[in-house]
Amino acid sequence: MDENYYKQLYDLQAIDFVLVELNLYLDTHPNDPNALQQFNDHSKTRQQLAAQFEMNYGPLMQFGHSYSQNGWKWNSPPWPWQV
């Protein structure tokens, strides 16, 4: 895979980490408007990053969570969890 594949996948993993941490924080601080705004902003960014990755390299998730725009690519490794 090209270098951009790994960069986009890294960016997704980084923002997923941020979202998990914010999620945990919000579980104990549900009325923190700043944290909620950060969570929503990062969620929107994650959707954009995932859409761009999927447009370039195929779906990230199955079972209807990812739209398959450029044909069926589940049989074309490497899969995101293999890199």
PDB file of N, CA and C in Angstrom:
ATOM      1  N   MET A   1       0.843  -1.179   0.000  1.00  0.00           N
ATOM      2  CA  MET A   1       0.000   0.000   0.000  1.00  0.00           C
ATOM      3  C   MET A   1       0.888   1.241   0.000  1.00  0.00           C
ATOM      4  N   ASP A   2       0.330   2.315  -0.520  1.00  0.00           N
ATOM      5  CA  ASP A   2       1.108   3.546  -0.577  1.00  0.00           C
ATOM      6  C   ASP A   2       1.167   4.228   0.791  1.00  0.00           C
ATOM      7  N   GLU A   3       2.050   5.198   0.910  1.00  0.00           N
ATOM      8  CA  GLU A   3       2.286   5.874   2.185  1.00  0.00           C
ATOM      9  C   GLU A   3       1.039   6.595   2.689  1.00  0.00           C
ATOM     10  N   ASN A   4       0.219   7.111   1.783  1.00  0.00           N
ATOM     11  CA  ASN A   4      -1.000   7.821   2.166  1.00  0.00           C
ATOM     12  C   ASN A   4      -1.986   6.893   2.882  1.00  0.00           C
ATOM     13  N   TYR A   5      -2.015   5.628   2.489  1.00  0.00           N
ATOM     14  CA  TYR A   5      -2.869   4.642   3.156  1.00  0.00           C
ATOM     15  C   TYR A   5      -2.542   4.588   4.650  1.00  0.00           C
ATOM     16  N   TYR A   6      -1.265   4.466   4.962  1.00  0.00           N
ATOM     17  CA  TYR A   6      -0.834   4.361   6.353  1.00  0.00           C
ATOM     18  C   TYR A   6      -1.060   5.666   7.118  1.00  0.00           C
ATOM     19  N   LYS A   7      -0.880   6.801   6.459  1.00  0.00           N
ATOM     20  CA  LYS A   7      -1.115   8.087   7.113  1.00  0.00           C
ATOM     21  C   LYS A   7      -2.595   8.247   7.442  1.00  0.00           C
ATOM     22  N   GLN A   8      -3.463   7.939   6.489  1.00  0.00           N
ATOM     23  CA  GLN A   8      -4.895   8.075   6.740  1.00  0.00           C
ATOM     24  C   GLN A   8      -5.354   7.107   7.829  1.00  0.00           C
ATOM     25  N   LEU A   9      -4.842   5.897   7.823  1.00  0.00           N
ATOM     26  CA  LEU A   9      -5.204   4.922   8.844  1.00  0.00           C
ATOM     27  C   LEU A   9      -4.690   5.377  10.219  1.00  0.00           C
ATOM     28  N   TYR A  10      -3.492   5.927  10.277  1.00  0.00           N
ATOM     29  CA  TYR A  10      -2.950   6.457  11.528  1.00  0.00           C
ATOM     30  C   TYR A  10      -3.818   7.595  12.057  1.00  0.00           C
ATOM     31  N   ASP A  11      -4.243   8.497  11.157  1.00  0.00           N
ATOM     32  CA  ASP A  11      -5.096   9.613  11.570  1.00  0.00           C
ATOM     33  C   ASP A  11      -6.417   9.109  12.153  1.00  0.00           C
ATOM     34  N   LEU A  12      -6.969   8.076  11.554  1.00  0.00           N
ATOM     35  CA  LEU A  12      -8.196   7.484  12.086  1.00  0.00           C
ATOM     36  C   LEU A  12      -7.968   6.872  13.463  1.00  0.00           C
ATOM     37  N   GLN A  13      -6.874   6.174  13.626  1.00  0.00           N
ATOM     38  CA  GLN A  13      -6.573   5.559  14.917  1.00  0.00           C
ATOM     39  C   GLN A  13      -6.355   6.626  15.990  1.00  0.00           C
ATOM     40  N   ALA A  14      -5.712   7.710  15.635  1.00  0.00           N
ATOM     41  CA  ALA A  14      -5.458   8.784  16.597  1.00  0.00           C
ATOM     42  C   ALA A  14      -6.769   9.430  17.035  1.00  0.00           C
ATOM     43  N   ILE A  15      -7.640   9.710  16.100  1.00  0.00           N
ATOM     44  CA  ILE A  15      -8.896  10.358  16.474  1.00  0.00           C
ATOM     45  C   ILE A  15      -9.806   9.386  17.217  1.00  0.00           C
ATOM     46  N   ASP A  16      -9.728   8.098  16.901  1.00  0.00           N
ATOM     47  CA  ASP A  16     -10.488   7.107  17.664  1.00  0.00           C
ATOM     48  C   ASP A  16     -10.029   7.091  19.119  1.00  0.00           C
ATOM     49  N   PHE A  17      -8.723   7.209  19.353  1.00  0.00           N
ATOM     50  CA  PHE A  17      -8.197   7.256  20.715  1.00  0.00           C
ATOM     51  C   PHE A  17      -8.777   8.460  21.461  1.00  0.00           C
ATOM     52  N   VAL A  18      -8.772   9.622  20.803  1.00  0.00           N
ATOM     53  CA  VAL A  18      -9.316  10.832  21.423  1.00  0.00           C
ATOM     54  C   VAL A  18     -10.789  10.645  21.771  1.00  0.00           C
ATOM     55  N   LEU A  19     -11.534  10.049  20.850  1.00  0.00           N
ATOM     56  CA  LEU A  19     -12.971   9.842  21.088  1.00  0.00           C
ATOM     57  C   LEU A  19     -13.234   8.874  22.237  1.00  0.00           C
ATOM     58  N   VAL A  20     -12.433   7.831  22.357  1.00  0.00           N
ATOM     59  CA  VAL A  20     -12.596   6.898  23.479  1.00  0.00           C
ATOM     60  C   VAL A  20     -12.322   7.626  24.795  1.00  0.00           C
ATOM     61  N   GLU A  21     -11.256   8.417  24.836  1.00  0.00           N
ATOM     62  CA  GLU A  21     -10.931   9.144  26.060  1.00  0.00           C
ATOM     63  C   GLU A  21     -12.019  10.154  26.416  1.00  0.00           C
ATOM     64  N   LEU A  22     -12.524  10.874  25.431  1.00  0.00           N
ATOM     65  CA  LEU A  22     -13.603  11.819  25.702  1.00  0.00           C
ATOM     66  C   LEU A  22     -14.864  11.093  26.150  1.00  0.00           C
ATOM     67  N   ASN A  23     -15.125   9.945  25.551  1.00  0.00           N
ATOM     68  CA  ASN A  23     -16.281   9.151  25.941  1.00  0.00           C
ATOM     69  C   ASN A  23     -16.181   8.748  27.415  1.00  0.00           C
ATOM     70  N   LEU A  24     -15.017   8.272  27.818  1.00  0.00           N
ATOM     71  CA  LEU A  24     -14.816   7.888  29.211  1.00  0.00           C
ATOM     72  C   LEU A  24     -14.973   9.095  30.143  1.00  0.00           C
ATOM     73  N   TYR A  25     -14.427  10.217  29.752  1.00  0.00           N
ATOM     74  CA  TYR A  25     -14.545  11.431  30.563  1.00  0.00           C
ATOM     75  C   TYR A  25     -16.013  11.845  30.695  1.00  0.00           C
ATOM     76  N   LEU A  26     -16.727  11.814  29.580  1.00  0.00           N
ATOM     77  CA  LEU A  26     -18.130  12.224  29.605  1.00  0.00           C
ATOM     78  C   LEU A  26     -19.006  11.266  30.412  1.00  0.00           C
ATOM     79  N   ASP A  27     -18.577  10.017  30.554  1.00  0.00           N
ATOM     80  CA  ASP A  27     -19.318   9.082  31.402  1.00  0.00           C
ATOM     81  C   ASP A  27     -19.340   9.564  32.854  1.00  0.00           C
ATOM     82  N   THR A  28     -18.284  10.241  33.276  1.00  0.00           N
ATOM     83  CA  THR A  28     -18.213  10.710  34.661  1.00  0.00           C
ATOM     84  C   THR A  28     -18.456  12.217  34.800  1.00  0.00           C
ATOM     85  N   HIS A  29     -18.458  12.930  33.672  1.00  0.00           N
ATOM     86  CA  HIS A  29     -18.687  14.376  33.677  1.00  0.00           C
ATOM     87  C   HIS A  29     -19.694  14.721  32.563  1.00  0.00           C
ATOM     88  N   PRO A  30     -20.913  14.211  32.645  1.00  0.00           N
ATOM     89  CA  PRO A  30     -21.868  14.367  31.538  1.00  0.00           C
ATOM     90  C   PRO A  30     -22.339  15.802  31.299  1.00  0.00           C
ATOM     91  N   ASN A  31     -22.101  16.689  32.238  1.00  0.00           N
ATOM     92  CA  ASN A  31     -22.580  18.068  32.080  1.00  0.00           C
ATOM     93  C   ASN A  31     -21.468  19.045  31.698  1.00  0.00           C
ATOM     94  N   ASP A  32     -20.340  18.533  31.233  1.00  0.00           N
ATOM     95  CA  ASP A  32     -19.232  19.392  30.823  1.00  0.00           C
ATOM     96  C   ASP A  32     -19.441  19.799  29.359  1.00  0.00           C
ATOM     97  N   PRO A  33     -19.892  21.032  29.134  1.00  0.00           N
ATOM     98  CA  PRO A  33     -20.208  21.441  27.751  1.00  0.00           C
ATOM     99  C   PRO A  33     -18.976  21.500  26.846  1.00  0.00           C
ATOM    100  N   ASN A  34     -17.819  21.823  27.419  1.00  0.00           N
ATOM    101  CA  ASN A  34     -16.594  21.879  26.626  1.00  0.00           C
ATOM    102  C   ASN A  34     -16.215  20.486  26.114  1.00  0.00           C
ATOM    103  N   ALA A  35     -16.297  19.502  26.996  1.00  0.00           N
ATOM    104  CA  ALA A  35     -15.963  18.130  26.597  1.00  0.00           C
ATOM    105  C   ALA A  35     -16.964  17.608  25.566  1.00  0.00           C
ATOM    106  N   LEU A  36     -18.227  17.930  25.754  1.00  0.00           N
ATOM    107  CA  LEU A  36     -19.240  17.496  24.793  1.00  0.00           C
ATOM    108  C   LEU A  36     -19.003  18.131  23.428  1.00  0.00           C
ATOM    109  N   GLN A  37     -18.631  19.411  23.415  1.00  0.00           N
ATOM    110  CA  GLN A  37     -18.334  20.081  22.146  1.00  0.00           C
ATOM    111  C   GLN A  37     -17.116  19.453  21.475  1.00  0.00           C
ATOM    112  N   GLN A  38     -16.091  19.146  22.270  1.00  0.00           N
ATOM    113  CA  GLN A  38     -14.905  18.484  21.710  1.00  0.00           C
ATOM    114  C   GLN A  38     -15.283  17.123  21.123  1.00  0.00           C
ATOM    115  N   PHE A  39     -16.109  16.376  21.858  1.00  0.00           N
ATOM    116  CA  PHE A  39     -16.533  15.061  21.370  1.00  0.00           C
ATOM    117  C   PHE A  39     -17.272  15.196  20.044  1.00  0.00           C
ATOM    118  N   ASN A  40     -18.189  16.133  19.963  1.00  0.00           N
ATOM    119  CA  ASN A  40     -18.955  16.320  18.733  1.00  0.00           C
ATOM    120  C   ASN A  40     -18.071  16.775  17.577  1.00  0.00           C
ATOM    121  N   ASP A  41     -17.155  17.681  17.848  1.00  0.00           N
ATOM    122  CA  ASP A  41     -16.233  18.148  16.798  1.00  0.00           C
ATOM    123  C   ASP A  41     -15.355  17.004  16.290  1.00  0.00           C
ATOM    124  N   HIS A  42     -14.811  16.222  17.204  1.00  0.00           N
ATOM    125  CA  HIS A  42     -13.959  15.101  16.803  1.00  0.00           C
ATOM    126  C   HIS A  42     -14.774  14.006  16.098  1.00  0.00           C
ATOM    127  N   SER A  43     -16.009  13.826  16.510  1.00  0.00           N
ATOM    128  CA  SER A  43     -16.866  12.846  15.831  1.00  0.00           C
ATOM    129  C   SER A  43     -17.097  13.237  14.382  1.00  0.00           C
ATOM    130  N   LYS A  44     -17.334  14.515  14.152  1.00  0.00           N
ATOM    131  CA  LYS A  44     -17.536  15.002  12.783  1.00  0.00           C
ATOM    132  C   LYS A  44     -16.261  14.827  11.958  1.00  0.00           C
ATOM    133  N   THR A  45     -15.126  15.146  12.562  1.00  0.00           N
ATOM    134  CA  THR A  45     -13.848  14.977  11.874  1.00  0.00           C
ATOM    135  C   THR A  45     -13.607  13.508  11.550  1.00  0.00           C
ATOM    136  N   ARG A  46     -13.930  12.627  12.494  1.00  0.00           N
ATOM    137  CA  ARG A  46     -13.744  11.198  12.268  1.00  0.00           C
ATOM    138  C   ARG A  46     -14.595  10.703  11.106  1.00  0.00           C
ATOM    139  N   GLN A  47     -15.827  11.184  11.016  1.00  0.00           N
ATOM    140  CA  GLN A  47     -16.689  10.803   9.901  1.00  0.00           C
ATOM    141  C   GLN A  47     -16.077  11.231   8.568  1.00  0.00           C
ATOM    142  N   GLN A  48     -15.511  12.431   8.548  1.00  0.00           N
ATOM    143  CA  GLN A  48     -14.886  12.925   7.318  1.00  0.00           C
ATOM    144  C   GLN A  48     -13.647  12.105   6.964  1.00  0.00           C
ATOM    145  N   LEU A  49     -12.818  11.803   7.963  1.00  0.00           N
ATOM    146  CA  LEU A  49     -11.618  11.005   7.718  1.00  0.00           C
ATOM    147  C   LEU A  49     -11.984   9.599   7.235  1.00  0.00           C
ATOM    148  N   ALA A  50     -12.982   8.998   7.863  1.00  0.00           N
ATOM    149  CA  ALA A  50     -13.409   7.655   7.466  1.00  0.00           C
ATOM    150  C   ALA A  50     -13.973   7.662   6.048  1.00  0.00           C
ATOM    151  N   ALA A  51     -14.754   8.669   5.716  1.00  0.00           N
ATOM    152  CA  ALA A  51     -15.323   8.749   4.366  1.00  0.00           C
ATOM    153  C   ALA A  51     -14.212   8.877   3.322  1.00  0.00           C
ATOM    154  N   GLN A  52     -13.206   9.691   3.624  1.00  0.00           N
ATOM    155  CA  GLN A  52     -12.090   9.858   2.695  1.00  0.00           C
ATOM    156  C   GLN A  52     -11.302   8.555   2.548  1.00  0.00           C
ATOM    157  N   PHE A  53     -11.023   7.889   3.659  1.00  0.00           N
ATOM    158  CA  PHE A  53     -10.301   6.624   3.606  1.00  0.00           C
ATOM    159  C   PHE A  53     -11.081   5.601   2.788  1.00  0.00           C
ATOM    160  N   GLU A  54     -12.368   5.485   3.042  1.00  0.00           N
ATOM    161  CA  GLU A  54     -13.186   4.497   2.346  1.00  0.00           C
ATOM    162  C   GLU A  54     -13.299   4.808   0.859  1.00  0.00           C
ATOM    163  N   MET A  55     -13.315   6.081   0.504  1.00  0.00           N
ATOM    164  CA  MET A  55     -13.369   6.447  -0.908  1.00  0.00           C
ATOM    165  C   MET A  55     -12.091   6.001  -1.614  1.00  0.00           C
ATOM    166  N   ASN A  56     -10.958   6.112  -0.916  1.00  0.00           N
ATOM    167  CA  ASN A  56      -9.671   5.774  -1.516  1.00  0.00           C
ATOM    168  C   ASN A  56      -9.335   4.283  -1.444  1.00  0.00           C
ATOM    169  N   TYR A  57      -9.716   3.626  -0.331  1.00  0.00           N
ATOM    170  CA  TYR A  57      -9.207   2.276  -0.088  1.00  0.00           C
ATOM    171  C   TYR A  57     -10.253   1.220   0.204  1.00  0.00           C
ATOM    172  N   GLY A  58     -11.500   1.582   0.262  1.00  0.00           N
ATOM    173  CA  GLY A  58     -12.541   0.599   0.535  1.00  0.00           C
ATOM    174  C   GLY A  58     -13.067   0.713   1.954  1.00  0.00           C
ATOM    175  N   PRO A  59     -14.077  -0.078   2.272  1.00  0.00           N
ATOM    176  CA  PRO A  59     -14.766   0.053   3.555  1.00  0.00           C
ATOM    177  C   PRO A  59     -13.907  -0.345   4.754  1.00  0.00           C
ATOM    178  N   LEU A  60     -14.165   0.320   5.873  1.00  0.00           N
ATOM    179  CA  LEU A  60     -13.497   0.027   7.135  1.00  0.00           C
ATOM    180  C   LEU A  60     -14.286  -0.973   7.969  1.00  0.00           C
ATOM    181  N   MET A  61     -15.589  -0.926   7.862  1.00  0.00           N
ATOM    182  CA  MET A  61     -16.458  -1.785   8.665  1.00  0.00           C
ATOM    183  C   MET A  61     -17.473  -2.467   7.754  1.00  0.00           C
ATOM    184  N   GLN A  62     -17.995  -3.576   8.218  1.00  0.00           N
ATOM    185  CA  GLN A  62     -18.963  -4.330   7.444  1.00  0.00           C
ATOM    186  C   GLN A  62     -20.326  -4.281   8.127  1.00  0.00           C
ATOM    187  N   PHE A  63     -21.247  -5.027   7.597  1.00  0.00           N
ATOM    188  CA  PHE A  63     -22.605  -5.151   8.113  1.00  0.00           C
ATOM    189  C   PHE A  63     -23.372  -3.838   8.026  1.00  0.00           C
ATOM    190  N   GLY A  64     -23.165  -3.123   6.918  1.00  0.00           N
ATOM    191  CA  GLY A  64     -23.926  -1.913   6.660  1.00  0.00           C
ATOM    192  C   GLY A  64     -23.384  -0.652   7.297  1.00  0.00           C
ATOM    193  N   HIS A  65     -22.241  -0.720   7.963  1.00  0.00           N
ATOM    194  CA  HIS A  65     -21.676   0.468   8.588  1.00  0.00           C
ATOM    195  C   HIS A  65     -20.847   1.292   7.610  1.00  0.00           C
ATOM    196  N   SER A  66     -20.405   0.686   6.529  1.00  0.00           N
ATOM    197  CA  SER A  66     -19.589   1.380   5.538  1.00  0.00           C
ATOM    198  C   SER A  66     -20.162   1.130   4.155  1.00  0.00           C
ATOM    199  N   TYR A  67     -20.261   2.187   3.398  1.00  0.00           N
ATOM    200  CA  TYR A  67     -20.760   2.104   2.037  1.00  0.00           C
ATOM    201  C   TYR A  67     -19.629   1.651   1.118  1.00  0.00           C
ATOM    202  N   SER A  68     -19.912   0.731   0.218  1.00  0.00           N
ATOM    203  CA  SER A  68     -18.892   0.189  -0.678  1.00  0.00           C
ATOM    204  C   SER A  68     -19.021   0.876  -2.041  1.00  0.00           C
ATOM    205  N   GLN A  69     -18.268   1.962  -2.230  1.00  0.00           N
ATOM    206  CA  GLN A  69     -18.414   2.795  -3.417  1.00  0.00           C
ATOM    207  C   GLN A  69     -17.742   2.234  -4.657  1.00  0.00           C
ATOM    208  N   ASN A  70     -16.589   1.643  -4.496  1.00  0.00           N
ATOM    209  CA  ASN A  70     -15.788   1.238  -5.657  1.00  0.00           C
ATOM    210  C   ASN A  70     -15.708  -0.269  -5.785  1.00  0.00           C
ATOM    211  N   GLY A  71     -16.837  -0.936  -5.665  1.00  0.00           N
ATOM    212  CA  GLY A  71     -16.839  -2.381  -5.769  1.00  0.00           C
ATOM    213  C   GLY A  71     -16.614  -3.048  -4.433  1.00  0.00           C
ATOM    214  N   TRP A  72     -16.699  -4.354  -4.431  1.00  0.00           N
ATOM    215  CA  TRP A  72     -16.560  -5.135  -3.213  1.00  0.00           C
ATOM    216  C   TRP A  72     -15.095  -5.398  -2.954  1.00  0.00           C
ATOM    217  N   LYS A  73     -14.540  -4.849  -1.884  1.00  0.00           N
ATOM    218  CA  LYS A  73     -13.105  -4.932  -1.639  1.00  0.00           C
ATOM    219  C   LYS A  73     -12.744  -5.733  -0.401  1.00  0.00           C
ATOM    220  N   TRP A  74     -13.689  -6.434   0.188  1.00  0.00           N
ATOM    221  CA  TRP A  74     -13.381  -7.177   1.399  1.00  0.00           C
ATOM    222  C   TRP A  74     -12.421  -8.333   1.149  1.00  0.00           C
ATOM    223  N   ASN A  75     -12.310  -8.753  -0.081  1.00  0.00           N
ATOM    224  CA  ASN A  75     -11.398  -9.855  -0.380  1.00  0.00           C
ATOM    225  C   ASN A  75     -10.035  -9.350  -0.849  1.00  0.00           C
ATOM    226  N   SER A  76      -9.752  -8.070  -0.665  1.00  0.00           N
ATOM    227  CA  SER A  76      -8.494  -7.475  -1.120  1.00  0.00           C
ATOM    228  C   SER A  76      -7.666  -6.994   0.074  1.00  0.00           C
ATOM    229  N   PRO A  77      -6.728  -7.819   0.562  1.00  0.00           N
ATOM    230  CA  PRO A  77      -5.891  -7.381   1.675  1.00  0.00           C
ATOM    231  C   PRO A  77      -4.912  -6.299   1.228  1.00  0.00           C
ATOM    232  N   PRO A  78      -4.286  -5.581   2.156  1.00  0.00           N
ATOM    233  CA  PRO A  78      -4.397  -5.804   3.595  1.00  0.00           C
ATOM    234  C   PRO A  78      -5.659  -5.163   4.136  1.00  0.00           C
ATOM    235  N   TRP A  79      -6.223  -5.775   5.156  1.00  0.00           N
ATOM    236  CA  TRP A  79      -7.382  -5.222   5.825  1.00  0.00           C
ATOM    237  C   TRP A  79      -6.899  -4.265   6.901  1.00  0.00           C
ATOM    238  N   PRO A  80      -7.704  -3.278   7.283  1.00  0.00           N
ATOM    239  CA  PRO A  80      -7.237  -2.271   8.249  1.00  0.00           C
ATOM    240  C   PRO A  80      -6.643  -2.864   9.526  1.00  0.00           C
ATOM    241  N   TRP A  81      -7.143  -3.982   9.993  1.00  0.00           N
ATOM    242  CA  TRP A  81      -6.626  -4.557  11.239  1.00  0.00           C
ATOM    243  C   TRP A  81      -5.340  -5.356  11.027  1.00  0.00           C
ATOM    244  N   GLN A  82      -4.870  -5.475   9.796  1.00  0.00           N
ATOM    245  CA  GLN A  82      -3.642  -6.204   9.522  1.00  0.00           C
ATOM    246  C   GLN A  82      -2.418  -5.289   9.400  1.00  0.00           C
ATOM    247  N   VAL A  83      -2.621  -4.005   9.409  1.00  0.00           N
ATOM    248  CA  VAL A  83      -1.475  -3.096   9.247  1.00  0.00           C
ATOM    249  C   VAL A  83      -1.162  -2.384  10.540  1.00  0.00           C
TER     250      VAL A  83
END
